[in-house]
Every structure is written in structure tokens, then in C-alpha cells.
Protein backbone atom coordinates (compact mmCIF):
# COMPACT_ATOMS: atom_id res chain seq x y z
CA PHE A 1 14.43 4.34 5.14
CA GLY A 2 16.13 1.30 4.41
CA THR A 3 19.58 2.42 5.94
CA ALA A 4 17.88 3.89 8.97
CA ALA A 5 15.72 0.37 9.35
CA ALA A 6 19.06 -1.56 8.99
CA LEU A 7 21.11 0.41 11.37
CA ARG A 8 18.16 0.17 13.87
CA ARG A 9 18.15 -3.60 13.43
CA ASP A 10 21.69 -3.84 13.85
CA GLY A 11 21.71 -2.03 17.26
CA HIS A 12 23.28 1.33 16.31
CA LEU A 13 20.20 3.43 16.33
CA LEU A 14 18.60 1.88 19.55
CA SER A 15 17.42 5.18 20.74
CA VAL A 16 15.07 5.73 17.74
CA PRO A 17 11.88 4.16 18.07
CA TRP A 18 10.53 2.42 14.95
CA PRO A 19 7.64 4.65 14.55
CA VAL A 20 10.23 7.36 13.51
CA ILE A 21 12.17 5.12 11.47
CA PHE A 22 9.01 4.42 9.27
CA LEU A 23 7.95 8.00 9.12
CA PRO A 24 9.43 8.79 5.58
CA LEU A 25 7.41 5.40 4.31
CA PHE A 26 4.35 6.72 5.82
CA LEU A 27 4.98 10.15 4.20
CA ALA A 28 5.97 8.71 0.89
CA SER A 29 3.13 6.04 0.46
CA PRO A 30 0.14 8.49 0.00
CA LEU A 31 2.75 10.47 -3.00
CA ILE A 32 3.25 7.24 -4.60
CA MET A 33 -0.62 6.30 -4.58
CA ILE A 34 -1.23 9.45 -6.35
CA LEU A 35 1.66 9.48 -8.85
CA VAL A 36 0.37 5.85 -9.91
CA LEU A 37 -3.26 7.37 -9.99
CA LEU A 38 -1.94 10.12 -12.29
CA CYS A 39 0.24 7.89 -14.53
CA ASN A 40 -1.93 5.36 -14.95
CA PRO A 41 -2.42 4.38 -18.76
CA ARG A 42 -6.09 4.11 -18.36
CA SER A 43 -6.33 7.59 -17.05
CA THR A 44 -5.61 8.69 -20.75
CA ASN A 45 -8.82 7.30 -22.13
CA LEU A 46 -10.87 10.39 -23.22
CA SER A 47 -13.95 8.50 -24.22
CA THR A 48 -15.30 9.06 -20.34
CA SER A 49 -15.26 12.06 -18.18
CA TRP A 50 -11.93 12.73 -16.47
CA ARG A 51 -13.57 12.90 -13.23
CA GLY A 52 -15.56 9.58 -13.48
CA HIS A 53 -12.53 7.66 -14.83
CA PHE A 54 -10.43 8.78 -11.90
CA GLY A 55 -13.18 8.04 -9.43
CA ALA A 56 -12.98 4.34 -10.86
CA LEU A 57 -9.39 4.43 -10.95
CA LEU A 58 -9.46 5.40 -7.36
CA TRP A 59 -11.65 2.73 -6.28
CA ASP A 60 -9.18 0.16 -8.01
CA PHE A 61 -6.36 1.42 -5.77
CA ILE A 62 -7.94 2.12 -2.56
CA PRO A 63 -8.18 -1.56 -1.34
CA ASN A 64 -4.55 -2.30 -1.89
CA GLY A 65 -3.47 1.07 -0.71
CA VAL A 66 -5.16 0.64 2.55
CA MET A 67 -4.04 -2.95 2.92
CA LEU A 68 -0.23 -1.76 2.39
CA LEU A 69 -0.86 1.15 4.92
CA ILE A 70 -2.23 -1.41 7.63
CA PHE A 71 0.45 -3.89 6.91
CA THR A 72 3.10 -0.78 7.57
CA LEU A 73 1.34 0.05 10.51
CA LEU A 74 1.04 -3.48 12.08
CA LEU A 75 4.87 -4.00 11.03
CA CYS A 76 5.89 -1.06 13.01
CA VAL A 77 4.10 -2.21 16.04
CA ARG A 78 5.58 -5.61 15.89
CA LEU A 79 9.25 -4.22 15.57
CA GLN A 80 8.59 -1.93 18.46
CA TRP A 81 6.83 -4.15 20.62
CA THR A 82 7.75 -7.76 19.98
CA GLU A 83 5.10 -9.58 21.76
CA ALA A 84 2.18 -7.37 20.92
CA LEU A 85 1.31 -9.00 17.36
CA SER A 86 2.11 -12.24 15.85
CA TRP A 87 3.77 -12.32 12.46
CA LEU A 88 0.73 -13.88 10.93
CA SER A 89 -1.42 -10.84 12.00
CA VAL A 90 1.16 -8.60 10.49
CA ILE A 91 1.17 -10.10 7.05
CA THR A 92 -2.70 -10.80 7.00
CA PRO A 93 -3.44 -7.19 5.35
CA LEU A 94 -1.16 -8.13 2.47
CA LEU A 95 -2.97 -11.60 1.86
CA VAL A 96 -6.16 -9.50 2.03
CA GLY A 97 -4.83 -6.85 -0.34
CA HIS A 98 -4.00 -9.63 -2.88
CA GLY A 99 -7.30 -11.63 -2.39
CA VAL A 100 -9.03 -8.31 -3.25
CA TRP A 101 -6.99 -7.85 -6.44
CA ILE A 102 -7.52 -11.52 -7.43
CA ALA A 103 -11.27 -10.98 -6.90
CA GLN A 104 -11.18 -8.15 -9.07
CA LEU A 105 -9.71 -9.82 -12.19
CA PRO A 106 -12.77 -11.36 -13.51
CA TRP A 107 -14.41 -7.89 -13.85
CA GLU A 108 -11.18 -6.54 -15.29
CA LEU A 109 -10.63 -9.10 -18.27
CA ALA A 110 -14.59 -8.52 -18.62
CA ALA A 111 -14.27 -4.97 -19.05
CA ARG A 112 -11.14 -5.31 -21.42
CA ARG A 113 -12.69 -7.76 -23.47
CA ARG A 114 -16.16 -5.47 -24.30
CA ALA A 115 -13.56 -2.76 -25.26
């Protein structure tokens, strides 16, 4: 992805549209999310049922994953059609994702303190 994006930006791959350049990233992101969910150290906790614990992990990661996907789509649109969006509207999903993560911290810390 990085090499193709650099070549596109430098003008060597001008005939290739940005959505095609971003295709490997679109395909890899869900796979990375699944690996993160399966390899999370909290998923080895056997005191709760696997299904309920996996559901809780999934709800922890869904907001950030969705915001990252939206950011990638908006970045692709911004690079393909430069006047379509402002850069602020492109980075807004990342800021919202970080805000959601920060808002979850008090509950995470309280849950760790109880355990």
C-alpha cells in the first residue's frame, strides 16, 4: 500500500485511481481487527463465558474500528477529488474515535480496580 500510494502521489501511477490504491488497506483492516480481538490478553480469561467475553471485547473495538474505516474512506475521497472535502472533515472520525476511547477509560479503570 505504502509504495503504491507514494508512486501515485509522485505522479508515476496517475492512471490508477485512489480507491484502487486503498483496496489492500480496505481488505486488511477487518482481518487485523479480528486478529486483535482473538489475540487480546483479556480473551484468555476463563472466568466468564467465551461468547459473552468476546461480545464485550467486540463492543470495545467496534467504535474505533468503524471510525478508522470512515477515516480511510474520507481520505480516499479527499485524495481522489481534492475539492470534495476539507481536511478537517477527513480527520474528524479519528478525533471522534479518540474521544470515544477516552470516554471509555473511567469504566475500564473501574473494572480493573474491581478485578
